[in-house]
């Protein structure tokens, strides 16, 4: 649902200054939805996945393994 309001010039515009294709959220997210997947990471139980795009550290000239948590996005690096 998009609300339209009349601008002083007479042309229609979207409330809040959003573009026509943007989805405007009217409902506030519940705490369950807001913190979904982050409680395990805060306790130190990350879900690590190997990032294969970056395997070589140019500054040190060494092979590295980059891990990224799929839930929170945190990264860690291991030197080989």
PDB file of N, CA and C in Angstrom:
ATOM      1  N   UNK A   1       0.851  -1.165   0.000  1.00  0.00           N
ATOM      2  CA  UNK A   1       0.000   0.000   0.000  1.00  0.00           C
ATOM      3  C   UNK A   1       0.896   1.226   0.000  1.00  0.00           C
ATOM      4  N   UNK A   2       0.677   2.132  -0.924  1.00  0.00           N
ATOM      5  CA  UNK A   2       1.462   3.353  -1.049  1.00  0.00           C
ATOM      6  C   UNK A   2       0.528   4.528  -0.873  1.00  0.00           C
ATOM      7  N   UNK A   3       0.922   5.463  -0.039  1.00  0.00           N
ATOM      8  CA  UNK A   3       0.117   6.656   0.189  1.00  0.00           C
ATOM      9  C   UNK A   3       0.585   7.767  -0.723  1.00  0.00           C
ATOM     10  N   UNK A   4      -0.341   8.397  -1.408  1.00  0.00           N
ATOM     11  CA  UNK A   4      -0.023   9.536  -2.261  1.00  0.00           C
ATOM     12  C   UNK A   4      -0.568  10.788  -1.616  1.00  0.00           C
ATOM     13  N   UNK A   5       0.167  11.854  -1.722  1.00  0.00           N
ATOM     14  CA  UNK A   5      -0.312  13.129  -1.216  1.00  0.00           C
ATOM     15  C   UNK A   5      -0.056  14.184  -2.286  1.00  0.00           C
ATOM     16  N   UNK A   6      -0.820  15.212  -2.262  1.00  0.00           N
ATOM     17  CA  UNK A   6      -0.684  16.274  -3.248  1.00  0.00           C
ATOM     18  C   UNK A   6       0.394  17.258  -2.798  1.00  0.00           C
ATOM     19  N   UNK A   7       1.340  17.521  -3.703  1.00  0.00           N
ATOM     20  CA  UNK A   7       2.375  18.509  -3.440  1.00  0.00           C
ATOM     21  C   UNK A   7       1.783  19.887  -3.709  1.00  0.00           C
ATOM     22  N   UNK A   8       2.382  20.948  -3.159  1.00  0.00           N
ATOM     23  CA  UNK A   8       1.854  22.295  -3.376  1.00  0.00           C
ATOM     24  C   UNK A   8       1.764  22.670  -4.855  1.00  0.00           C
ATOM     25  N   UNK A   9       2.613  22.084  -5.690  1.00  0.00           N
ATOM     26  CA  UNK A   9       2.590  22.420  -7.110  1.00  0.00           C
ATOM     27  C   UNK A   9       1.454  21.720  -7.850  1.00  0.00           C
ATOM     28  N   UNK A  10       0.768  20.788  -7.199  1.00  0.00           N
ATOM     29  CA  UNK A  10      -0.350  20.107  -7.817  1.00  0.00           C
ATOM     30  C   UNK A  10      -0.014  18.720  -8.319  1.00  0.00           C
ATOM     31  N   UNK A  11       1.273  18.338  -8.365  1.00  0.00           N
ATOM     32  CA  UNK A  11       1.642  17.003  -8.830  1.00  0.00           C
ATOM     33  C   UNK A  11       1.615  16.036  -7.655  1.00  0.00           C
ATOM     34  N   UNK A  12       1.327  14.783  -7.945  1.00  0.00           N
ATOM     35  CA  UNK A  12       1.257  13.761  -6.893  1.00  0.00           C
ATOM     36  C   UNK A  12       2.666  13.298  -6.542  1.00  0.00           C
ATOM     37  N   UNK A  13       2.936  13.085  -5.272  1.00  0.00           N
ATOM     38  CA  UNK A  13       4.220  12.553  -4.832  1.00  0.00           C
ATOM     39  C   UNK A  13       3.964  11.525  -3.739  1.00  0.00           C
ATOM     40  N   UNK A  14       4.925  10.686  -3.511  1.00  0.00           N
ATOM     41  CA  UNK A  14       4.802   9.634  -2.502  1.00  0.00           C
ATOM     42  C   UNK A  14       5.215  10.201  -1.153  1.00  0.00           C
ATOM     43  N   UNK A  15       4.463   9.846  -0.114  1.00  0.00           N
ATOM     44  CA  UNK A  15       4.748  10.319   1.237  1.00  0.00           C
ATOM     45  C   UNK A  15       6.118   9.841   1.685  1.00  0.00           C
ATOM     46  N   UNK A  16       6.903  10.712   2.283  1.00  0.00           N
ATOM     47  CA  UNK A  16       8.212  10.344   2.813  1.00  0.00           C
ATOM     48  C   UNK A  16       9.341  10.523   1.815  1.00  0.00           C
ATOM     49  N   UNK A  17       9.056  10.929   0.607  1.00  0.00           N
ATOM     50  CA  UNK A  17      10.090  11.180  -0.375  1.00  0.00           C
ATOM     51  C   UNK A  17      10.660   9.935  -1.028  1.00  0.00           C
ATOM     52  N   UNK A  18       9.993   8.805  -0.926  1.00  0.00           N
ATOM     53  CA  UNK A  18      10.479   7.565  -1.525  1.00  0.00           C
ATOM     54  C   UNK A  18      10.118   7.540  -3.004  1.00  0.00           C
ATOM     55  N   UNK A  19      10.860   6.771  -3.782  1.00  0.00           N
ATOM     56  CA  UNK A  19      10.592   6.636  -5.206  1.00  0.00           C
ATOM     57  C   UNK A  19       9.402   5.708  -5.424  1.00  0.00           C
ATOM     58  N   UNK A  20       8.900   5.675  -6.619  1.00  0.00           N
ATOM     59  CA  UNK A  20       7.697   4.917  -6.930  1.00  0.00           C
ATOM     60  C   UNK A  20       7.874   3.417  -6.712  1.00  0.00           C
ATOM     61  N   UNK A  21       9.056   2.854  -6.997  1.00  0.00           N
ATOM     62  CA  UNK A  21       9.271   1.423  -6.875  1.00  0.00           C
ATOM     63  C   UNK A  21       9.662   0.955  -5.485  1.00  0.00           C
ATOM     64  N   UNK A  22       9.892   1.879  -4.552  1.00  0.00           N
ATOM     65  CA  UNK A  22      10.325   1.507  -3.205  1.00  0.00           C
ATOM     66  C   UNK A  22       9.148   0.996  -2.381  1.00  0.00           C
ATOM     67  N   UNK A  23       9.418  -0.014  -1.560  1.00  0.00           N
ATOM     68  CA  UNK A  23       8.411  -0.558  -0.653  1.00  0.00           C
ATOM     69  C   UNK A  23       8.565   0.142   0.686  1.00  0.00           C
ATOM     70  N   UNK A  24       7.488   0.690   1.191  1.00  0.00           N
ATOM     71  CA  UNK A  24       7.512   1.406   2.465  1.00  0.00           C
ATOM     72  C   UNK A  24       6.953   0.490   3.541  1.00  0.00           C
ATOM     73  N   UNK A  25       7.707   0.276   4.620  1.00  0.00           N
ATOM     74  CA  UNK A  25       7.273  -0.577   5.717  1.00  0.00           C
ATOM     75  C   UNK A  25       6.410   0.247   6.676  1.00  0.00           C
ATOM     76  N   UNK A  26       5.193  -0.200   6.902  1.00  0.00           N
ATOM     77  CA  UNK A  26       4.311   0.480   7.832  1.00  0.00           C
ATOM     78  C   UNK A  26       4.316  -0.191   9.198  1.00  0.00           C
ATOM     79  N   UNK A  27       4.600  -1.484   9.238  1.00  0.00           N
ATOM     80  CA  UNK A  27       4.567  -2.230  10.482  1.00  0.00           C
ATOM     81  C   UNK A  27       5.965  -2.266  11.096  1.00  0.00           C
ATOM     82  N   UNK A  28       6.045  -1.975  12.378  1.00  0.00           N
ATOM     83  CA  UNK A  28       7.319  -2.046  13.091  1.00  0.00           C
ATOM     84  C   UNK A  28       7.687  -3.518  13.269  1.00  0.00           C
ATOM     85  N   UNK A  29       8.964  -3.908  12.955  1.00  0.00           N
ATOM     86  CA  UNK A  29       9.332  -5.320  13.097  1.00  0.00           C
ATOM     87  C   UNK A  29       9.316  -5.739  14.569  1.00  0.00           C
ATOM     88  N   UNK A  30       8.868  -6.967  14.815  1.00  0.00           N
ATOM     89  CA  UNK A  30       8.823  -7.477  16.178  1.00  0.00           C
ATOM     90  C   UNK A  30      10.249  -7.762  16.661  1.00  0.00           C
ATOM     91  N   UNK A  31      10.469  -7.824  17.972  1.00  0.00           N
ATOM     92  CA  UNK A  31      11.809  -8.150  18.473  1.00  0.00           C
ATOM     93  C   UNK A  31      12.318  -9.499  17.964  1.00  0.00           C
ATOM     94  N   UNK A  32      11.421 -10.445  17.735  1.00  0.00           N
ATOM     95  CA  UNK A  32      11.819 -11.743  17.193  1.00  0.00           C
ATOM     96  C   UNK A  32      12.412 -11.580  15.799  1.00  0.00           C
ATOM     97  N   UNK A  33      11.742 -10.804  14.949  1.00  0.00           N
ATOM     98  CA  UNK A  33      12.234 -10.584  13.592  1.00  0.00           C
ATOM     99  C   UNK A  33      13.488  -9.711  13.580  1.00  0.00           C
ATOM    100  N   UNK A  34      13.558  -8.755  14.482  1.00  0.00           N
ATOM    101  CA  UNK A  34      14.679  -7.816  14.526  1.00  0.00           C
ATOM    102  C   UNK A  34      15.986  -8.497  14.917  1.00  0.00           C
ATOM    103  N   UNK A  35      15.940  -9.439  15.847  1.00  0.00           N
ATOM    104  CA  UNK A  35      17.144 -10.086  16.369  1.00  0.00           C
ATOM    105  C   UNK A  35      17.308 -11.519  15.885  1.00  0.00           C
ATOM    106  N   UNK A  36      16.586 -11.903  14.845  1.00  0.00           N
ATOM    107  CA  UNK A  36      16.615 -13.280  14.365  1.00  0.00           C
ATOM    108  C   UNK A  36      18.015 -13.640  13.859  1.00  0.00           C
ATOM    109  N   UNK A  37      18.584 -14.724  14.417  1.00  0.00           N
ATOM    110  CA  UNK A  37      19.881 -15.219  13.979  1.00  0.00           C
ATOM    111  C   UNK A  37      21.075 -14.550  14.621  1.00  0.00           C
ATOM    112  N   UNK A  38      20.885 -13.567  15.479  1.00  0.00           N
ATOM    113  CA  UNK A  38      22.008 -12.846  16.065  1.00  0.00           C
ATOM    114  C   UNK A  38      22.358 -13.319  17.475  1.00  0.00           C
ATOM    115  N   UNK A  39      21.448 -14.017  18.146  1.00  0.00           N
ATOM    116  CA  UNK A  39      21.707 -14.398  19.530  1.00  0.00           C
ATOM    117  C   UNK A  39      22.810 -15.450  19.614  1.00  0.00           C
ATOM    118  N   UNK A  40      22.863 -16.377  18.657  1.00  0.00           N
ATOM    119  CA  UNK A  40      23.937 -17.365  18.664  1.00  0.00           C
ATOM    120  C   UNK A  40      25.286 -16.696  18.436  1.00  0.00           C
ATOM    121  N   UNK A  41      25.337 -15.740  17.531  1.00  0.00           N
ATOM    122  CA  UNK A  41      26.596 -15.055  17.228  1.00  0.00           C
ATOM    123  C   UNK A  41      27.083 -14.241  18.426  1.00  0.00           C
ATOM    124  N   UNK A  42      26.172 -13.631  19.149  1.00  0.00           N
ATOM    125  CA  UNK A  42      26.582 -12.873  20.340  1.00  0.00           C
ATOM    126  C   UNK A  42      27.173 -13.771  21.408  1.00  0.00           C
ATOM    127  N   UNK A  43      26.758 -15.031  21.412  1.00  0.00           N
ATOM    128  CA  UNK A  43      27.284 -15.988  22.382  1.00  0.00           C
ATOM    129  C   UNK A  43      28.556 -16.677  21.887  1.00  0.00           C
ATOM    130  N   UNK A  44      29.005 -16.350  20.675  1.00  0.00           N
ATOM    131  CA  UNK A  44      30.246 -16.916  20.156  1.00  0.00           C
ATOM    132  C   UNK A  44      30.057 -18.130  19.258  1.00  0.00           C
ATOM    133  N   UNK A  45      28.824 -18.448  18.902  1.00  0.00           N
ATOM    134  CA  UNK A  45      28.550 -19.604  18.048  1.00  0.00           C
ATOM    135  C   UNK A  45      28.225 -19.128  16.631  1.00  0.00           C
ATOM    136  N   UNK A  46      29.275 -18.724  15.906  1.00  0.00           N
ATOM    137  CA  UNK A  46      29.106 -18.241  14.544  1.00  0.00           C
ATOM    138  C   UNK A  46      28.947 -19.408  13.586  1.00  0.00           C
ATOM    139  N   UNK A  47      28.388 -19.136  12.437  1.00  0.00           N
ATOM    140  CA  UNK A  47      28.231 -20.128  11.377  1.00  0.00           C
ATOM    141  C   UNK A  47      29.188 -19.722  10.256  1.00  0.00           C
ATOM    142  N   UNK A  48      30.444 -20.194  10.344  1.00  0.00           N
ATOM    143  CA  UNK A  48      31.502 -19.762   9.433  1.00  0.00           C
ATOM    144  C   UNK A  48      31.381 -20.444   8.085  1.00  0.00           C
ATOM    145  N   UNK A  49      31.625 -19.670   7.029  1.00  0.00           N
ATOM    146  CA  UNK A  49      31.647 -20.175   5.667  1.00  0.00           C
ATOM    147  C   UNK A  49      32.859 -19.562   4.969  1.00  0.00           C
ATOM    148  N   UNK A  50      33.572 -20.368   4.168  1.00  0.00           N
ATOM    149  CA  UNK A  50      34.787 -19.912   3.496  1.00  0.00           C
ATOM    150  C   UNK A  50      34.411 -18.990   2.338  1.00  0.00           C
ATOM    151  N   UNK A  51      35.108 -17.834   2.266  1.00  0.00           N
ATOM    152  CA  UNK A  51      34.946 -16.907   1.150  1.00  0.00           C
ATOM    153  C   UNK A  51      36.038 -17.229   0.142  1.00  0.00           C
ATOM    154  N   UNK A  52      35.669 -17.657  -1.043  1.00  0.00           N
ATOM    155  CA  UNK A  52      36.648 -18.141  -2.015  1.00  0.00           C
ATOM    156  C   UNK A  52      37.180 -17.044  -2.922  1.00  0.00           C
ATOM    157  N   UNK A  53      36.601 -15.843  -2.927  1.00  0.00           N
ATOM    158  CA  UNK A  53      37.059 -14.783  -3.806  1.00  0.00           C
ATOM    159  C   UNK A  53      38.423 -14.229  -3.385  1.00  0.00           C
ATOM    160  N   UNK A  54      38.677 -14.188  -2.095  1.00  0.00           N
ATOM    161  CA  UNK A  54      39.911 -13.581  -1.599  1.00  0.00           C
ATOM    162  C   UNK A  54      40.747 -14.657  -0.912  1.00  0.00           C
ATOM    163  N   UNK A  55      41.742 -15.212  -1.632  1.00  0.00           N
ATOM    164  CA  UNK A  55      42.567 -16.278  -1.072  1.00  0.00           C
ATOM    165  C   UNK A  55      44.025 -15.868  -0.902  1.00  0.00           C
ATOM    166  N   UNK A  56      44.396 -14.674  -1.345  1.00  0.00           N
ATOM    167  CA  UNK A  56      45.790 -14.263  -1.297  1.00  0.00           C
ATOM    168  C   UNK A  56      45.877 -12.860  -0.724  1.00  0.00           C
ATOM    169  N   UNK A  57      46.725 -12.668   0.294  1.00  0.00           N
ATOM    170  CA  UNK A  57      46.942 -11.361   0.898  1.00  0.00           C
ATOM    171  C   UNK A  57      48.089 -10.683   0.164  1.00  0.00           C
ATOM    172  N   UNK A  58      47.813  -9.582  -0.498  1.00  0.00           N
ATOM    173  CA  UNK A  58      48.814  -8.907  -1.315  1.00  0.00           C
ATOM    174  C   UNK A  58      49.884  -8.243  -0.451  1.00  0.00           C
ATOM    175  N   UNK A  59      49.501  -7.675   0.675  1.00  0.00           N
ATOM    176  CA  UNK A  59      50.467  -6.945   1.515  1.00  0.00           C
ATOM    177  C   UNK A  59      51.495  -7.879   2.134  1.00  0.00           C
ATOM    178  N   UNK A  60      51.043  -9.034   2.635  1.00  0.00           N
ATOM    179  CA  UNK A  60      51.967  -9.964   3.279  1.00  0.00           C
ATOM    180  C   UNK A  60      52.527 -10.989   2.300  1.00  0.00           C
ATOM    181  N   UNK A  61      51.909 -11.155   1.151  1.00  0.00           N
ATOM    182  CA  UNK A  61      52.367 -12.117   0.166  1.00  0.00           C
ATOM    183  C   UNK A  61      52.151 -13.550   0.598  1.00  0.00           C
ATOM    184  N   UNK A  62      51.072 -13.814   1.316  1.00  0.00           N
ATOM    185  CA  UNK A  62      50.800 -15.160   1.831  1.00  0.00           C
ATOM    186  C   UNK A  62      49.396 -15.596   1.450  1.00  0.00           C
ATOM    187  N   UNK A  63      49.201 -16.910   1.431  1.00  0.00           N
ATOM    188  CA  UNK A  63      47.863 -17.441   1.252  1.00  0.00           C
ATOM    189  C   UNK A  63      47.076 -17.288   2.548  1.00  0.00           C
ATOM    190  N   UNK A  64      45.840 -16.894   2.426  1.00  0.00           N
ATOM    191  CA  UNK A  64      44.985 -16.733   3.596  1.00  0.00           C
ATOM    192  C   UNK A  64      43.648 -17.429   3.335  1.00  0.00           C
ATOM    193  N   UNK A  65      42.970 -17.759   4.409  1.00  0.00           N
ATOM    194  CA  UNK A  65      41.608 -18.276   4.332  1.00  0.00           C
ATOM    195  C   UNK A  65      40.707 -17.271   5.030  1.00  0.00           C
ATOM    196  N   UNK A  66      39.735 -16.735   4.303  1.00  0.00           N
ATOM    197  CA  UNK A  66      38.804 -15.759   4.860  1.00  0.00           C
ATOM    198  C   UNK A  66      37.502 -16.478   5.156  1.00  0.00           C
ATOM    199  N   UNK A  67      37.027 -16.350   6.382  1.00  0.00           N
ATOM    200  CA  UNK A  67      35.757 -16.924   6.814  1.00  0.00           C
ATOM    201  C   UNK A  67      34.776 -15.791   7.069  1.00  0.00           C
ATOM    202  N   UNK A  68      33.514 -16.003   6.693  1.00  0.00           N
ATOM    203  CA  UNK A  68      32.465 -15.015   6.932  1.00  0.00           C
ATOM    204  C   UNK A  68      31.273 -15.717   7.562  1.00  0.00           C
ATOM    205  N   UNK A  69      30.734 -15.132   8.618  1.00  0.00           N
ATOM    206  CA  UNK A  69      29.567 -15.688   9.291  1.00  0.00           C
ATOM    207  C   UNK A  69      28.332 -15.418   8.427  1.00  0.00           C
ATOM    208  N   UNK A  70      27.570 -16.468   8.163  1.00  0.00           N
ATOM    209  CA  UNK A  70      26.390 -16.316   7.311  1.00  0.00           C
ATOM    210  C   UNK A  70      25.242 -15.616   8.028  1.00  0.00           C
ATOM    211  N   UNK A  71      25.257 -15.581   9.357  1.00  0.00           N
ATOM    212  CA  UNK A  71      24.175 -14.939  10.104  1.00  0.00           C
ATOM    213  C   UNK A  71      24.423 -13.461  10.334  1.00  0.00           C
ATOM    214  N   UNK A  72      25.615 -13.093  10.828  1.00  0.00           N
ATOM    215  CA  UNK A  72      25.840 -11.706  11.213  1.00  0.00           C
ATOM    216  C   UNK A  72      26.788 -10.959  10.276  1.00  0.00           C
ATOM    217  N   UNK A  73      27.543 -11.668   9.431  1.00  0.00           N
ATOM    218  CA  UNK A  73      28.426 -11.003   8.472  1.00  0.00           C
ATOM    219  C   UNK A  73      29.824 -10.727   8.989  1.00  0.00           C
ATOM    220  N   UNK A  74      30.154 -11.143  10.202  1.00  0.00           N
ATOM    221  CA  UNK A  74      31.491 -10.933  10.743  1.00  0.00           C
ATOM    222  C   UNK A  74      32.511 -11.772   9.970  1.00  0.00           C
ATOM    223  N   UNK A  75      33.742 -11.238   9.842  1.00  0.00           N
ATOM    224  CA  UNK A  75      34.782 -11.950   9.104  1.00  0.00           C
ATOM    225  C   UNK A  75      35.967 -12.256   9.994  1.00  0.00           C
ATOM    226  N   UNK A  76      36.640 -13.390   9.702  1.00  0.00           N
ATOM    227  CA  UNK A  76      37.901 -13.694  10.367  1.00  0.00           C
ATOM    228  C   UNK A  76      38.846 -14.245   9.302  1.00  0.00           C
ATOM    229  N   UNK A  77      40.159 -14.055   9.536  1.00  0.00           N
ATOM    230  CA  UNK A  77      41.181 -14.434   8.569  1.00  0.00           C
ATOM    231  C   UNK A  77      42.168 -15.374   9.231  1.00  0.00           C
ATOM    232  N   UNK A  78      42.517 -16.454   8.545  1.00  0.00           N
ATOM    233  CA  UNK A  78      43.539 -17.389   9.003  1.00  0.00           C
ATOM    234  C   UNK A  78      44.673 -17.409   7.997  1.00  0.00           C
ATOM    235  N   UNK A  79      45.908 -17.287   8.481  1.00  0.00           N
ATOM    236  CA  UNK A  79      47.080 -17.401   7.608  1.00  0.00           C
ATOM    237  C   UNK A  79      47.452 -18.858   7.461  1.00  0.00           C
ATOM    238  N   UNK A  80      47.919 -19.240   6.292  1.00  0.00           N
ATOM    239  CA  UNK A  80      48.322 -20.621   6.058  1.00  0.00           C
ATOM    240  C   UNK A  80      49.820 -20.749   6.173  1.00  0.00           C
TER     241      UNK A  80
END
